[in-house]
Protein backbone atom coordinates (compact mmCIF):
# COMPACT_ATOMS: atom_id res chain seq x y z
CA MET A 1 25.68 25.23 83.19
CA PRO A 2 26.24 28.22 85.42
CA ARG A 3 29.60 28.59 87.09
CA SER A 4 30.52 30.88 89.95
CA PRO A 5 33.69 32.66 89.57
CA VAL A 6 34.41 31.77 93.22
CA ALA A 7 33.28 28.13 93.59
CA LEU A 8 30.69 25.74 92.27
CA SER A 9 29.45 25.25 95.78
CA LEU A 10 28.13 28.39 97.35
CA ALA A 11 27.08 28.79 100.87
CA LEU A 12 24.14 30.77 101.36
CA VAL A 13 24.55 33.97 103.28
CA VAL A 14 21.57 35.50 105.12
CA ALA A 15 21.40 38.96 104.12
CA GLY A 16 19.66 41.98 105.53
CA ALA A 17 15.87 42.20 104.78
CA THR A 18 15.68 43.10 101.16
CA CYS A 19 12.12 44.50 101.47
CA ALA A 20 12.62 46.03 105.05
CA VAL A 21 10.68 49.11 103.73
CA ALA A 22 7.69 47.69 102.19
CA ILE A 23 6.98 50.40 99.74
CA SER A 24 10.51 49.86 98.04
CA CYS A 25 9.03 46.36 96.82
CA GLY A 26 5.71 48.02 95.60
CA GLU A 27 3.89 47.01 98.54
CA SER A 28 1.53 49.01 100.86
CA GLU A 29 2.93 51.42 103.32
CA THR A 30 0.68 50.31 106.00
CA ALA A 31 2.02 48.01 108.73
CA GLY A 32 -0.01 45.08 107.83
CA GLY A 33 -0.29 45.65 103.96
CA SER A 34 -3.32 46.68 101.97
CA THR A 35 -6.50 44.66 102.44
CA SER A 36 -6.19 43.32 98.89
CA GLU A 37 -2.63 42.22 99.56
CA ARG A 38 -3.29 40.59 102.77
CA ALA A 39 -6.19 38.71 101.10
CA ALA A 40 -3.90 37.53 98.24
CA SER A 41 -1.37 36.28 100.90
CA ALA A 42 -4.13 34.42 102.59
CA ARG A 43 -5.33 32.82 99.25
CA PRO A 44 -2.55 31.42 97.36
CA ALA A 45 -2.78 32.22 93.61
CA ASP A 46 -3.85 29.22 91.39
CA ARG A 47 -3.46 30.74 87.80
CA PHE A 48 -0.40 28.75 86.69
CA ASP A 49 -1.12 25.15 85.31
CA SER A 50 1.58 23.16 87.04
CA GLU A 51 0.21 19.88 85.78
CA ALA A 52 0.78 21.19 82.22
CA ALA A 53 4.23 22.27 82.91
CA LEU A 54 5.16 19.05 84.35
CA ALA A 55 3.96 17.26 81.27
CA LEU A 56 6.23 19.72 79.32
CA LEU A 57 9.24 18.71 81.51
CA GLU A 58 8.54 15.18 80.96
CA GLN A 59 8.20 15.57 77.07
CA GLN A 60 11.74 16.93 77.23
CA LEU A 61 13.24 14.07 79.23
CA ALA A 62 11.63 11.59 76.76
CA LEU A 63 14.09 12.88 74.26
CA GLY A 64 17.02 11.75 76.44
CA PRO A 65 20.17 13.88 76.71
CA ARG A 66 19.85 17.04 74.59
CA PRO A 67 23.22 18.63 74.28
CA ALA A 68 23.62 21.66 71.87
CA GLY A 69 23.65 20.59 68.32
CA SER A 70 22.51 17.07 68.72
CA ASP A 71 19.61 15.44 66.89
CA ALA A 72 17.46 15.50 70.12
CA SER A 73 18.08 19.05 70.73
CA ARG A 74 16.96 20.03 67.17
CA LYS A 75 13.85 17.77 67.60
CA LEU A 76 13.10 19.54 70.83
CA ALA A 77 13.50 23.00 69.16
CA LYS A 78 10.87 22.19 66.51
CA GLN A 79 8.55 21.24 69.31
CA LEU A 80 9.24 24.42 71.24
CA ARG A 81 8.75 26.61 68.23
CA ARG A 82 5.32 25.09 67.82
CA GLN A 83 4.40 25.48 71.44
CA LEU A 84 5.43 29.14 71.67
CA PRO A 85 3.20 31.90 70.47
CA LYS A 86 4.54 33.30 67.21
CA GLY A 87 7.42 30.90 67.60
CA SER A 88 10.51 31.43 65.32
CA TYR A 89 14.19 30.56 65.36
CA GLN A 90 17.07 32.85 66.11
CA ASP A 91 20.36 31.87 64.52
CA VAL A 92 23.24 31.12 66.94
CA PRO A 93 27.00 30.68 65.69
CA GLY A 94 28.09 27.02 65.33
CA GLY A 95 24.89 25.89 63.96
CA LEU A 96 22.69 26.45 66.83
CA ARG A 97 19.46 28.23 67.39
CA ASN A 98 17.51 29.90 69.98
CA VAL A 99 13.60 29.61 70.04
CA ILE A 100 11.75 32.88 70.35
CA GLY A 101 8.13 33.52 71.16
CA LYS A 102 6.13 36.75 71.81
CA VAL A 103 2.90 37.91 73.25
CA GLU A 104 2.05 41.53 72.53
CA GLY A 105 1.39 43.84 75.45
CA ARG A 106 -0.87 46.88 75.85
CA ASP A 107 2.27 49.12 75.55
CA PRO A 108 4.23 47.22 72.71
CA GLU A 109 7.18 49.63 73.24
CA ARG A 110 7.93 48.18 76.48
CA VAL A 111 9.71 44.77 76.26
CA VAL A 112 10.44 42.18 78.99
CA VAL A 113 12.33 39.00 78.22
CA LEU A 114 11.75 35.77 80.12
CA GLY A 115 14.14 33.13 79.27
CA ALA A 116 15.63 29.68 79.96
CA HIS A 117 17.97 27.25 78.25
CA TYR A 118 16.74 24.05 76.44
CA ASP A 119 20.22 22.28 75.92
CA THR A 120 21.61 19.88 78.35
CA LYS A 121 25.39 19.42 79.56
CA ASP A 122 27.08 17.02 77.26
CA GLU A 123 27.64 14.22 79.65
CA PRO A 124 26.65 10.68 79.43
CA ASP A 125 23.03 9.75 80.47
CA PHE A 126 22.42 13.40 81.68
CA VAL A 127 18.96 14.43 80.86
CA GLY A 128 18.75 17.73 82.86
CA ALA A 129 15.34 17.63 84.52
CA ASN A 130 16.04 20.43 86.79
CA ASP A 131 19.02 21.93 85.02
CA GLY A 132 17.44 23.10 81.73
CA ALA A 133 13.86 21.11 81.46
CA SER A 134 12.37 22.91 84.55
CA GLY A 135 12.99 26.40 83.34
CA THR A 136 11.99 25.61 79.68
CA ALA A 137 8.68 24.05 80.85
CA VAL A 138 7.81 26.92 82.95
CA VAL A 139 8.70 29.44 80.23
CA VAL A 140 6.55 27.65 77.82
CA GLU A 141 3.50 27.10 79.99
CA LEU A 142 3.43 30.80 80.89
CA ALA A 143 3.79 31.76 77.24
CA ARG A 144 0.69 29.43 76.36
CA ARG A 145 -1.38 30.86 79.28
CA LEU A 146 -0.83 34.62 78.50
CA LYS A 147 -3.06 36.39 76.17
CA PRO A 148 -2.36 39.41 73.92
CA ARG A 149 -2.63 42.75 75.72
CA GLN A 150 -3.35 40.89 78.93
CA LEU A 151 -0.15 42.54 80.46
CA ARG A 152 1.29 46.00 79.89
CA PRO A 153 4.77 45.08 78.47
CA THR A 154 5.32 42.75 75.40
CA ILE A 155 6.86 39.65 76.81
CA VAL A 156 9.39 37.93 74.72
CA PHE A 157 10.05 34.11 75.34
CA ALA A 158 13.64 33.36 74.90
CA LEU A 159 14.61 29.61 74.90
CA PHE A 160 18.49 29.58 74.58
CA ASP A 161 20.53 27.14 72.82
CA GLY A 162 24.31 26.50 73.78
CA GLU A 163 24.13 27.65 77.35
CA GLU A 164 26.21 24.78 78.23
CA SER A 165 30.00 24.98 77.26
CA PRO A 166 31.01 22.04 75.04
CA ARG A 167 32.30 19.06 76.84
CA GLY A 168 36.01 19.36 78.32
CA THR A 169 35.70 23.23 78.66
CA ARG A 170 37.57 24.43 81.67
CA ASP A 171 35.54 26.30 84.37
CA GLU A 172 37.37 29.50 83.60
CA ASP A 173 36.54 29.39 80.07
CA PHE A 174 32.78 28.97 80.61
CA GLU A 175 31.81 32.46 79.90
CA ARG A 176 33.79 32.66 76.64
CA LYS A 177 32.68 29.26 75.25
CA GLY A 178 29.13 28.97 76.91
CA LEU A 179 26.10 31.27 77.03
CA ARG A 180 26.02 31.01 73.45
CA GLY A 181 22.39 31.66 72.74
CA SER A 182 21.92 34.29 75.36
CA LYS A 183 24.89 36.31 73.89
CA VAL A 184 22.92 36.57 70.58
CA ALA A 185 19.62 37.28 72.23
CA ALA A 186 20.93 39.96 74.45
CA ARG A 187 22.21 41.89 71.55
CA ALA A 188 18.80 41.52 69.71
CA TYR A 189 16.90 42.70 72.88
CA ARG A 190 19.38 45.26 74.41
CA ASP A 191 16.54 47.81 74.72
CA ALA A 192 14.46 45.50 76.89
CA GLU A 193 13.54 46.88 80.34
CA ALA A 194 13.96 43.69 82.14
CA MET A 195 15.09 40.15 81.73
CA ILE A 196 14.06 37.31 83.92
CA LEU A 197 15.88 33.90 83.70
CA LEU A 198 14.48 30.65 85.00
CA ASP A 199 17.11 27.90 85.86
CA PHE A 200 17.12 25.11 88.39
CA VAL A 201 13.54 25.92 89.23
CA GLY A 202 12.14 22.36 89.63
CA ASP A 203 14.28 21.08 92.68
CA ARG A 204 12.10 19.20 95.03
CA ASP A 205 13.35 21.11 97.93
CA LEU A 206 12.99 24.59 96.21
CA SER A 207 14.74 27.44 97.73
CA ILE A 208 15.94 30.51 95.64
CA PRO A 209 17.70 33.29 97.44
CA ARG A 210 19.07 36.26 95.35
CA GLU A 211 22.00 35.55 93.27
CA ALA A 212 24.54 38.23 93.43
CA ASN A 213 24.49 39.20 89.77
CA SER A 214 20.55 39.75 89.92
CA ASN A 215 19.37 43.19 89.89
CA PRO A 216 18.37 44.00 93.52
CA LYS A 217 15.36 46.19 92.57
CA LEU A 218 13.87 43.65 90.29
CA TRP A 219 14.50 40.75 92.72
CA ALA A 220 12.71 42.78 95.42
CA GLN A 221 9.72 43.02 92.93
CA LEU A 222 9.86 39.21 92.52
CA ARG A 223 9.88 38.53 96.21
CA ALA A 224 7.05 40.92 96.76
CA ALA A 225 5.10 38.98 93.77
CA ALA A 226 5.95 35.50 95.42
CA LYS A 227 4.51 36.87 98.66
CA ARG A 228 1.37 37.95 96.99
CA ALA A 229 1.00 34.58 95.28
CA GLY A 230 1.60 32.86 98.61
CA LYS A 231 4.86 31.27 97.67
CA GLN A 232 7.42 33.43 99.56
CA LYS A 233 8.87 30.57 101.45
CA HIS A 234 10.53 29.62 98.20
CA PHE A 235 12.36 32.79 97.88
CA PRO A 236 14.04 33.47 101.10
CA ASP A 237 15.46 36.93 102.36
CA ALA A 238 19.07 35.66 101.57
CA ASN A 239 21.97 36.20 99.12
CA PHE A 240 24.56 33.99 97.60
CA GLY A 241 27.45 34.47 95.35
CA PRO A 242 27.48 35.51 91.68
CA VAL A 243 26.60 32.74 88.97
CA SER A 244 27.58 32.94 85.37
CA ASP A 245 24.23 32.32 83.60
CA ASP A 246 22.18 33.44 80.74
CA HIS A 247 21.42 36.61 82.41
CA VAL A 248 24.88 37.80 82.37
CA PRO A 249 25.05 38.95 78.74
CA PHE A 250 21.78 40.95 79.31
CA ARG A 251 23.36 42.71 82.20
CA ARG A 252 26.27 43.66 80.04
CA GLN A 253 24.01 45.21 77.71
CA GLY A 254 22.66 47.38 80.54
CA VAL A 255 19.43 45.42 81.13
CA PRO A 256 18.24 44.83 84.57
CA ALA A 257 18.27 41.06 84.87
CA ILE A 258 17.62 38.33 87.60
CA ASP A 259 18.35 34.76 87.63
CA LEU A 260 15.73 32.37 89.49
CA ILE A 261 18.36 29.51 90.42
CA ASP A 262 18.32 27.06 93.24
CA PHE A 263 22.22 26.51 92.86
CA ASP A 264 22.35 24.21 96.14
CA PHE A 265 21.39 21.23 93.93
CA ALA A 266 23.16 17.86 94.78
CA CYS A 267 22.66 16.43 91.24
CA PHE A 268 24.46 19.18 89.36
CA HIS A 269 25.70 17.85 86.04
CA GLN A 270 24.95 14.28 87.29
CA ALA A 271 22.86 11.38 85.93
CA CYS A 272 20.47 11.73 89.08
CA ASP A 273 19.32 15.01 87.75
CA ASP A 274 16.20 13.05 86.36
CA ARG A 275 12.52 12.95 86.89
CA SER A 276 12.97 12.03 90.65
CA ALA A 277 14.94 15.19 91.25
CA VAL A 278 11.94 17.55 90.46
CA SER A 279 8.49 18.14 91.81
CA GLU A 280 5.20 19.68 90.31
CA SER A 281 4.89 21.97 93.41
CA SER A 282 8.24 23.63 92.83
CA LEU A 283 7.18 24.16 89.19
CA ASP A 284 4.03 25.66 90.50
CA ALA A 285 5.78 28.05 92.97
CA THR A 286 8.09 29.37 90.27
CA GLY A 287 5.05 29.77 87.67
CA GLU A 288 2.76 31.48 90.02
CA SER A 289 5.52 33.84 91.35
CA VAL A 290 6.64 34.72 87.89
CA LEU A 291 3.29 35.24 86.51
CA GLU A 292 2.32 37.66 89.34
CA LEU A 293 5.66 39.64 88.89
CA LEU A 294 4.80 39.94 85.07
CA ARG A 295 1.27 41.06 85.96
CA THR A 296 2.59 43.92 87.79
CA LEU A 297 5.42 45.31 85.72
């Protein structure tokens, strides 16, 4: 799972207002915002099926631990390929495979990658409800909901295998031995105009500040979208330190990328990261916010 080069436990540092100038986040220049934006804030969006997303999360947990290369992981990959539009496999070294889907946009030359990892840390009894299953569930439900040419860009849905490093890997070796699927996908989609990563997005007490490796401009657009969707409380105007996660290979290819990750999570790589650690309302907050962001790209 993600590692911070500084420490695994990161203190949230309140930053200056990311969207102090409203127009920088794509909002109205008027003091109160446009009439349509105020109406959107007053009426929270209800376009994402959080009940279906929760069912997708529970389907993953029913398979038990799903470390990369395991029988359970390969069984899950088959399910995910069927669930994603135009689902296919992308080979990853070591016998692993990403699962890729796509919904064509009105401008097929523009590509946005929406990703999550579907493998779990290879630890006894670890089922990764938040760490893996939550992001995968939201990505799949968004993929099932979007229709061709509904959005301007084409959306590539990338479910990464081998994000977790093999058991026994030292923290300092994580980036070299982990992020296996995203390294492959980042090379394949190096021309994407944006990459949005979902990880740790089901935490019952969901709070996602901007992670330091996340592109500031794209993050500002996300926060503005969350505000329009009525979910802004889950995306505080704060920053925390850099995390090594599946967005990093995309950044290295020059793709603006953001990581939606609530890294202040007590059950990190522990057996308590089970169904009790996540909530439908958190999946909904993530899904509605990301759907609104995609709608405006």
